[in-house]
N, C-alpha and C. Protein backbone atom coordinates (compact mmCIF):
# COMPACT_ATOMS: atom_id res chain seq x y z
N UNK A 1 -14.21 1.71 -10.69
CA UNK A 1 -13.05 0.91 -11.02
C UNK A 1 -12.32 0.56 -9.72
N UNK A 2 -11.92 -0.71 -9.58
CA UNK A 2 -11.15 -1.15 -8.42
C UNK A 2 -9.69 -1.28 -8.80
N UNK A 3 -8.83 -0.85 -7.89
CA UNK A 3 -7.39 -1.01 -8.12
C UNK A 3 -6.65 -1.13 -6.81
N UNK A 4 -5.44 -1.69 -6.91
CA UNK A 4 -4.59 -1.83 -5.73
C UNK A 4 -3.82 -0.55 -5.53
N UNK A 5 -3.55 -0.25 -4.26
CA UNK A 5 -2.79 0.94 -3.91
C UNK A 5 -2.14 0.71 -2.56
N UNK A 6 -1.15 1.52 -2.24
CA UNK A 6 -0.48 1.39 -0.95
C UNK A 6 -0.63 2.71 -0.19
N UNK A 7 -0.89 2.58 1.10
CA UNK A 7 -0.98 3.76 1.96
C UNK A 7 0.44 4.22 2.24
N UNK A 8 0.83 5.32 1.63
CA UNK A 8 2.21 5.80 1.69
C UNK A 8 2.51 6.56 2.97
N UNK A 9 1.67 7.53 3.29
CA UNK A 9 1.98 8.37 4.47
C UNK A 9 0.76 9.18 4.87
N UNK A 10 0.89 9.75 6.06
CA UNK A 10 -0.12 10.66 6.58
C UNK A 10 0.47 12.06 6.59
N UNK A 11 -0.33 13.03 6.22
CA UNK A 11 0.04 14.43 6.28
C UNK A 11 -1.09 15.18 6.96
N UNK A 12 -0.95 15.40 8.25
CA UNK A 12 -2.01 16.03 9.01
C UNK A 12 -3.24 15.14 9.05
N UNK A 13 -4.36 15.66 8.59
CA UNK A 13 -5.62 14.91 8.57
C UNK A 13 -5.84 14.18 7.26
N UNK A 14 -4.79 14.11 6.43
CA UNK A 14 -4.93 13.49 5.11
C UNK A 14 -4.03 12.26 4.99
N UNK A 15 -4.44 11.34 4.13
CA UNK A 15 -3.64 10.16 3.82
C UNK A 15 -3.25 10.23 2.35
N UNK A 16 -1.98 9.94 2.07
CA UNK A 16 -1.49 9.90 0.69
C UNK A 16 -1.40 8.44 0.28
N UNK A 17 -2.11 8.09 -0.78
CA UNK A 17 -2.20 6.73 -1.27
C UNK A 17 -1.59 6.69 -2.66
N UNK A 18 -0.62 5.77 -2.86
CA UNK A 18 0.02 5.61 -4.16
C UNK A 18 -0.66 4.47 -4.90
N UNK A 19 -1.11 4.75 -6.11
CA UNK A 19 -1.75 3.72 -6.91
C UNK A 19 -0.70 2.77 -7.46
N UNK A 20 -1.10 1.54 -7.73
CA UNK A 20 -0.16 0.49 -8.11
C UNK A 20 0.68 0.85 -9.32
N UNK A 21 0.16 1.66 -10.22
CA UNK A 21 0.96 2.02 -11.40
C UNK A 21 2.16 2.89 -11.04
N UNK A 22 2.19 3.41 -9.81
CA UNK A 22 3.31 4.21 -9.34
C UNK A 22 3.34 5.63 -9.87
N UNK A 23 2.45 5.95 -10.76
CA UNK A 23 2.43 7.27 -11.37
C UNK A 23 1.45 8.22 -10.69
N UNK A 24 0.39 7.68 -10.15
CA UNK A 24 -0.68 8.51 -9.60
C UNK A 24 -0.80 8.33 -8.10
N UNK A 25 -1.35 9.33 -7.48
CA UNK A 25 -1.62 9.25 -6.05
C UNK A 25 -2.98 9.86 -5.76
N UNK A 26 -3.54 9.42 -4.66
CA UNK A 26 -4.78 9.99 -4.15
C UNK A 26 -4.49 10.59 -2.79
N UNK A 27 -5.12 11.69 -2.49
CA UNK A 27 -5.04 12.29 -1.16
C UNK A 27 -6.46 12.32 -0.63
N UNK A 28 -6.68 11.60 0.47
CA UNK A 28 -8.03 11.47 1.02
C UNK A 28 -8.00 11.78 2.51
N UNK A 29 -9.12 12.20 3.07
CA UNK A 29 -9.19 12.40 4.52
C UNK A 29 -8.94 11.07 5.25
N UNK A 30 -8.21 11.14 6.34
CA UNK A 30 -7.91 9.93 7.12
C UNK A 30 -9.19 9.21 7.51
N UNK A 31 -10.25 9.94 7.81
CA UNK A 31 -11.48 9.29 8.26
C UNK A 31 -12.18 8.51 7.15
N UNK A 32 -11.67 8.58 5.90
CA UNK A 32 -12.25 7.77 4.83
C UNK A 32 -11.58 6.40 4.73
N UNK A 33 -10.51 6.20 5.53
CA UNK A 33 -9.81 4.91 5.54
C UNK A 33 -10.47 3.96 6.54
N UNK A 34 -10.32 2.66 6.30
CA UNK A 34 -10.84 1.70 7.28
C UNK A 34 -10.05 1.80 8.58
N UNK A 35 -10.70 1.50 9.68
CA UNK A 35 -10.03 1.52 10.99
C UNK A 35 -8.81 0.62 10.99
N UNK A 36 -7.73 1.09 11.58
CA UNK A 36 -6.52 0.29 11.68
C UNK A 36 -5.60 0.39 10.48
N UNK A 37 -5.98 1.12 9.44
CA UNK A 37 -5.11 1.26 8.27
C UNK A 37 -3.85 2.02 8.67
N UNK A 38 -2.70 1.47 8.25
CA UNK A 38 -1.40 2.05 8.61
C UNK A 38 -0.55 2.23 7.37
N UNK A 39 0.48 3.06 7.50
CA UNK A 39 1.43 3.24 6.41
C UNK A 39 1.99 1.88 6.01
N UNK A 40 2.06 1.65 4.71
CA UNK A 40 2.57 0.38 4.20
C UNK A 40 1.49 -0.65 3.93
N UNK A 41 0.29 -0.42 4.41
CA UNK A 41 -0.81 -1.35 4.12
C UNK A 41 -1.20 -1.21 2.66
N UNK A 42 -1.47 -2.36 2.03
CA UNK A 42 -2.00 -2.37 0.68
C UNK A 42 -3.51 -2.29 0.77
N UNK A 43 -4.08 -1.57 -0.16
CA UNK A 43 -5.51 -1.30 -0.14
C UNK A 43 -6.16 -1.69 -1.45
N UNK A 44 -7.45 -1.94 -1.39
CA UNK A 44 -8.29 -2.04 -2.58
C UNK A 44 -9.11 -0.75 -2.60
N UNK A 45 -8.91 0.04 -3.65
CA UNK A 45 -9.59 1.33 -3.78
C UNK A 45 -10.62 1.21 -4.90
N UNK A 46 -11.83 1.62 -4.62
CA UNK A 46 -12.84 1.67 -5.68
C UNK A 46 -13.16 3.14 -5.94
N UNK A 47 -13.02 3.54 -7.19
CA UNK A 47 -13.31 4.92 -7.57
C UNK A 47 -14.36 4.96 -8.67
N UNK A 48 -15.05 6.07 -8.70
CA UNK A 48 -16.04 6.30 -9.76
C UNK A 48 -15.99 7.79 -10.09
N UNK A 49 -15.75 8.08 -11.35
CA UNK A 49 -15.65 9.48 -11.81
C UNK A 49 -14.65 10.28 -10.97
N UNK A 50 -13.52 9.65 -10.63
CA UNK A 50 -12.47 10.33 -9.87
C UNK A 50 -12.73 10.46 -8.39
N UNK A 51 -13.85 9.94 -7.91
CA UNK A 51 -14.19 10.00 -6.48
C UNK A 51 -13.99 8.63 -5.84
N UNK A 52 -13.44 8.62 -4.64
CA UNK A 52 -13.25 7.36 -3.91
C UNK A 52 -14.59 6.90 -3.36
N UNK A 53 -14.98 5.67 -3.74
CA UNK A 53 -16.24 5.10 -3.30
C UNK A 53 -16.03 4.22 -2.06
N UNK A 54 -14.96 3.40 -2.11
CA UNK A 54 -14.68 2.55 -0.96
C UNK A 54 -13.19 2.25 -0.88
N UNK A 55 -12.74 1.98 0.35
CA UNK A 55 -11.35 1.62 0.61
C UNK A 55 -11.37 0.46 1.60
N UNK A 56 -10.68 -0.62 1.24
CA UNK A 56 -10.53 -1.75 2.17
C UNK A 56 -9.06 -2.14 2.22
N UNK A 57 -8.63 -2.62 3.38
CA UNK A 57 -7.25 -3.10 3.53
C UNK A 57 -7.18 -4.47 2.88
N UNK A 58 -6.17 -4.66 2.03
CA UNK A 58 -5.92 -5.94 1.37
C UNK A 58 -4.89 -6.68 2.22
N UNK A 59 -5.37 -7.43 3.20
CA UNK A 59 -4.49 -8.13 4.14
C UNK A 59 -3.57 -9.11 3.44
N UNK A 60 -4.09 -9.82 2.43
CA UNK A 60 -3.29 -10.82 1.72
C UNK A 60 -2.13 -10.17 0.97
N UNK A 61 -2.39 -9.09 0.26
CA UNK A 61 -1.33 -8.40 -0.48
C UNK A 61 -0.33 -7.76 0.47
N UNK A 62 -0.82 -7.18 1.57
CA UNK A 62 0.07 -6.58 2.56
C UNK A 62 1.02 -7.63 3.11
N UNK A 63 0.51 -8.81 3.47
CA UNK A 63 1.35 -9.89 4.00
C UNK A 63 2.34 -10.38 2.95
N UNK A 64 1.89 -10.51 1.71
CA UNK A 64 2.76 -10.99 0.64
C UNK A 64 3.94 -10.03 0.42
N UNK A 65 3.66 -8.75 0.37
CA UNK A 65 4.72 -7.75 0.16
C UNK A 65 5.66 -7.72 1.36
N UNK A 66 5.12 -7.76 2.56
CA UNK A 66 5.98 -7.75 3.75
C UNK A 66 6.89 -8.96 3.79
N UNK A 67 6.37 -10.13 3.42
CA UNK A 67 7.20 -11.34 3.38
C UNK A 67 8.29 -11.22 2.34
N UNK A 68 7.95 -10.68 1.17
CA UNK A 68 8.96 -10.50 0.11
C UNK A 68 10.08 -9.58 0.57
N UNK A 69 9.73 -8.49 1.24
CA UNK A 69 10.74 -7.55 1.73
C UNK A 69 11.58 -8.20 2.82
N UNK A 70 10.95 -8.95 3.73
CA UNK A 70 11.69 -9.63 4.80
C UNK A 70 12.67 -10.64 4.22
N UNK A 71 12.27 -11.37 3.18
CA UNK A 71 13.17 -12.33 2.54
C UNK A 71 14.37 -11.63 1.91
N UNK A 72 14.13 -10.50 1.26
CA UNK A 72 15.23 -9.75 0.65
C UNK A 72 16.20 -9.24 1.71
N UNK A 73 15.67 -8.70 2.80
CA UNK A 73 16.53 -8.22 3.88
C UNK A 73 17.34 -9.36 4.48
N UNK A 74 16.72 -10.51 4.62
CA UNK A 74 17.40 -11.67 5.16
C UNK A 74 18.56 -12.08 4.26
N UNK A 75 18.34 -12.11 2.95
CA UNK A 75 19.40 -12.46 2.00
C UNK A 75 20.53 -11.44 2.06
N UNK A 76 20.19 -10.16 2.18
CA UNK A 76 21.22 -9.13 2.28
C UNK A 76 22.06 -9.30 3.54
N UNK A 77 21.39 -9.62 4.65
CA UNK A 77 22.12 -9.83 5.91
C UNK A 77 23.05 -11.03 5.83
N UNK A 78 22.70 -12.00 5.01
CA UNK A 78 23.52 -13.19 4.83
C UNK A 78 24.60 -12.99 3.78
N UNK A 79 24.65 -11.79 3.20
CA UNK A 79 25.67 -11.48 2.22
C UNK A 79 25.37 -11.99 0.83
N UNK A 80 24.14 -12.37 0.56
CA UNK A 80 23.75 -12.85 -0.75
C UNK A 80 23.26 -11.70 -1.59
N UNK A 81 23.44 -11.83 -2.90
CA UNK A 81 22.89 -10.84 -3.82
C UNK A 81 21.39 -11.04 -3.92
N UNK A 82 20.67 -9.97 -4.19
CA UNK A 82 19.22 -10.05 -4.31
C UNK A 82 18.79 -10.93 -5.47
N UNK A 83 19.63 -11.07 -6.48
CA UNK A 83 19.28 -11.89 -7.64
C UNK A 83 19.49 -13.38 -7.37
N UNK A 84 20.23 -13.72 -6.31
CA UNK A 84 20.48 -15.13 -5.97
C UNK A 84 19.20 -15.78 -5.49
N UNK A 85 19.00 -16.99 -5.85
CA UNK A 85 17.79 -17.73 -5.40
C UNK A 85 18.06 -18.44 -4.11
């Protein structure tokens, strides 16, 4: 099964990945991540029978989320409410 997840943090030699549903997390060895993966990167995780089969960085989703956050911060700095368009 493939699903979206975000690389939340590193703890020693492990990476904590939060699944998109926000309820579950995976803890995997850092060396199972693609090179250059950083905290805040969105990932495509493929699992089978509870085991991680593959992990790839989802560059498009990472950029989309970063842009959304930057826009919200910009509106806050301008004194606008987040609900304002």
